[in-house]
Amino acid sequence: MEKPVAISPTLLKTNQPSICNGWDGCRALEFGRQSPKLPQGTESHADMRLFEGTAWDRPPTCEVCGKPQSECSCPPAPPPLRLVPPDQQTAQLGVEKRKKGKLVTVVRGLSAESNDLTALLSRLKNSCGAGGAVDGDCLEIQGDHLDRLRKLLVEIGYKVAR
């Protein structure tokens, strides 16, 4: 296999084709030709995979069985979960004392199946500037942030009970 060589100014002045590796649109433009035809189903070169149509082409594979997507017989992915709007849920807030006297603010009453608890937790942690974790259906924020979380949850649209 030949190594790619950059186009020199002397090659541009002559009608000799330059040595190029891959798509040679520069040479096509240089001699007034059209660029190579695209494979069927692609609209531009941006839609193509890097090695599409070459010996190194690897077609997309199924994440479950590992076969090429054209040969895959896996069932389709389940539909995304329907999230319940915040105004139809009530969050219960509380502060608990843990080992060594550490305080933890706990948010309960939000089901994990109908909420994106990890996204809500990251939003709450960022607003409080504290760490936290999801424990089943509970969100735990390190420290006593009861008032701040109550205000934020009401702002998001949740009903809050103490």
Protein backbone atom coordinates (compact mmCIF):
# COMPACT_ATOMS: atom_id res chain seq x y z
CA MET A 1 0.00 0.00 0.00
CA GLU A 2 1.39 3.38 -1.00
CA LYS A 3 1.79 6.15 1.51
CA PRO A 4 -0.25 9.31 0.84
CA VAL A 5 1.76 12.15 -0.63
CA ALA A 6 0.85 15.80 -0.40
CA ILE A 7 0.09 17.58 -3.66
CA SER A 8 3.06 19.66 -4.69
CA PRO A 9 2.80 22.87 -6.73
CA THR A 10 4.58 21.17 -9.63
CA LEU A 11 1.94 18.44 -9.79
CA LEU A 12 -0.82 21.05 -9.84
CA LYS A 13 0.70 22.70 -12.93
CA THR A 14 0.93 19.42 -14.85
CA ASN A 15 -1.93 17.18 -15.88
CA GLN A 16 -0.49 14.23 -13.96
CA PRO A 17 -2.82 12.91 -11.25
CA SER A 18 -1.58 13.28 -7.72
CA ILE A 19 -1.16 10.35 -5.37
CA CYS A 20 -4.05 10.44 -2.95
CA ASN A 21 -5.42 8.08 -0.32
CA GLY A 22 -9.22 7.88 0.04
CA TRP A 23 -11.63 10.41 -1.42
CA ASP A 24 -9.84 12.53 -3.95
CA GLY A 25 -12.17 15.49 -4.29
CA CYS A 26 -9.14 17.77 -4.59
CA ARG A 27 -8.04 15.92 -7.73
CA ALA A 28 -11.59 15.87 -9.07
CA LEU A 29 -11.88 19.62 -8.62
CA GLU A 30 -8.38 20.14 -10.05
CA PHE A 31 -9.23 18.48 -13.36
CA GLY A 32 -12.85 19.68 -13.54
CA ARG A 33 -14.38 16.25 -12.90
CA GLN A 34 -17.29 15.45 -10.65
CA SER A 35 -16.63 13.99 -7.24
CA PRO A 36 -17.07 10.23 -6.81
CA LYS A 37 -20.63 8.93 -6.57
CA LEU A 38 -22.03 8.42 -3.09
CA PRO A 39 -23.36 5.03 -1.98
CA GLN A 40 -27.10 4.63 -2.20
CA GLY A 41 -28.99 6.02 0.81
CA THR A 42 -26.47 8.71 1.72
CA GLU A 43 -27.02 12.38 0.98
CA SER A 44 -23.50 13.67 1.56
CA HIS A 45 -20.05 12.48 2.54
CA ALA A 46 -20.88 13.48 6.13
CA ASP A 47 -23.49 10.67 6.24
CA MET A 48 -20.91 8.00 5.36
CA ARG A 49 -18.93 5.96 7.85
CA LEU A 50 -15.19 6.53 7.73
CA PHE A 51 -14.25 3.31 5.90
CA GLU A 52 -17.56 2.68 4.10
CA GLY A 53 -17.04 0.81 0.86
CA THR A 54 -13.47 -0.24 1.68
CA ALA A 55 -11.95 -3.49 2.89
CA TRP A 56 -11.86 -2.06 6.45
CA ASP A 57 -15.58 -1.26 6.57
CA ARG A 58 -17.31 -2.42 9.75
CA PRO A 59 -21.09 -2.20 9.45
CA PRO A 60 -23.03 -1.12 12.54
CA THR A 61 -23.67 -4.00 14.95
CA CYS A 62 -26.44 -4.78 17.42
CA GLU A 63 -25.53 -3.90 21.01
CA VAL A 64 -27.37 -6.96 22.35
CA CYS A 65 -26.31 -9.88 20.12
CA GLY A 66 -23.26 -8.41 18.35
CA LYS A 67 -24.48 -9.35 14.84
CA PRO A 68 -24.64 -6.78 12.02
CA GLN A 69 -27.86 -4.77 12.22
CA SER A 70 -29.03 -6.18 8.87
CA GLU A 71 -28.88 -9.74 10.32
CA CYS A 72 -30.08 -8.94 13.86
CA SER A 73 -33.22 -10.70 15.08
CA CYS A 74 -33.44 -9.11 18.54
CA PRO A 75 -36.80 -7.68 19.61
CA PRO A 76 -37.13 -3.91 19.34
CA ALA A 77 -36.19 -1.79 22.33
CA PRO A 78 -38.99 -1.16 24.84
CA PRO A 79 -40.76 2.19 24.55
CA PRO A 80 -39.41 4.96 26.79
CA LEU A 81 -40.99 5.35 30.20
CA ARG A 82 -43.76 7.87 30.59
CA LEU A 83 -42.78 10.40 33.20
CA VAL A 84 -45.46 11.76 35.53
CA PRO A 85 -45.57 15.58 35.53
CA PRO A 86 -44.25 17.20 38.73
CA ASP A 87 -47.57 18.94 39.52
CA GLN A 88 -49.21 15.52 40.00
CA GLN A 89 -46.67 14.36 42.63
CA THR A 90 -46.06 15.20 46.25
CA ALA A 91 -42.54 15.17 47.67
CA GLN A 92 -42.03 14.66 51.39
CA LEU A 93 -38.99 16.36 52.88
CA GLY A 94 -37.21 15.51 56.08
CA VAL A 95 -33.87 15.81 57.83
CA GLU A 96 -32.28 12.72 59.34
CA LYS A 97 -29.28 12.36 61.61
CA ARG A 98 -26.77 9.74 60.49
CA LYS A 99 -23.61 8.26 61.95
CA LYS A 100 -21.24 10.63 63.71
CA GLY A 101 -23.92 13.36 63.86
CA LYS A 102 -24.08 14.02 60.09
CA LEU A 103 -27.33 15.55 58.83
CA VAL A 104 -28.95 14.36 55.59
CA THR A 105 -31.94 15.94 53.85
CA VAL A 106 -34.20 13.21 52.44
CA VAL A 107 -36.78 13.59 49.65
CA ARG A 108 -39.40 10.79 49.63
CA GLY A 109 -42.64 10.13 47.83
CA LEU A 110 -41.34 10.22 44.25
CA SER A 111 -41.49 6.87 42.47
CA ALA A 112 -38.42 5.78 40.54
CA GLU A 113 -40.53 4.32 37.69
CA SER A 114 -42.26 7.59 36.81
CA ASN A 115 -39.37 10.01 37.45
CA ASP A 116 -35.84 10.59 36.29
CA LEU A 117 -34.49 10.63 39.84
CA THR A 118 -30.83 10.89 38.81
CA ALA A 119 -31.48 14.07 36.80
CA LEU A 120 -33.56 15.56 39.63
CA LEU A 121 -30.87 14.63 42.17
CA SER A 122 -28.11 16.29 40.14
CA ARG A 123 -30.22 19.46 39.89
CA LEU A 124 -30.86 19.46 43.64
CA LYS A 125 -27.19 18.78 44.45
CA ASN A 126 -26.03 21.59 42.18
CA SER A 127 -28.42 24.07 43.76
CA CYS A 128 -27.29 23.09 47.27
CA GLY A 129 -23.61 22.68 46.49
CA ALA A 130 -23.60 19.34 48.28
CA GLY A 131 -23.24 15.65 47.54
CA GLY A 132 -26.03 13.13 47.52
CA ALA A 133 -27.30 9.75 46.37
CA VAL A 134 -30.37 7.90 45.14
CA ASP A 135 -31.42 5.21 47.60
CA GLY A 136 -34.37 3.30 46.13
CA ASP A 137 -37.19 5.85 45.87
CA CYS A 138 -35.43 8.35 48.16
CA LEU A 139 -33.09 11.17 47.29
CA GLU A 140 -30.50 11.96 49.92
CA ILE A 141 -28.68 15.31 49.99
CA GLN A 142 -25.79 15.75 52.41
CA GLY A 143 -26.43 18.48 54.97
CA ASP A 144 -29.46 20.40 56.24
CA HIS A 145 -30.94 21.97 53.08
CA LEU A 146 -34.63 21.68 53.94
CA ASP A 147 -35.68 25.25 53.13
CA ARG A 148 -33.62 25.48 49.96
CA LEU A 149 -34.94 22.15 48.61
CA ARG A 150 -38.54 23.05 49.48
CA LYS A 151 -38.22 26.30 47.53
CA LEU A 152 -36.58 24.57 44.54
CA LEU A 153 -39.08 21.69 44.37
CA VAL A 154 -42.01 24.15 44.46
CA GLU A 155 -40.28 26.15 41.73
CA ILE A 156 -39.97 22.99 39.59
CA GLY A 157 -43.67 22.25 40.15
CA TYR A 158 -43.80 19.54 42.84
CA LYS A 159 -46.19 19.70 45.75
CA VAL A 160 -44.17 19.62 48.98
CA ALA A 161 -45.21 18.16 52.32
CA ARG A 162 -43.06 18.20 55.42
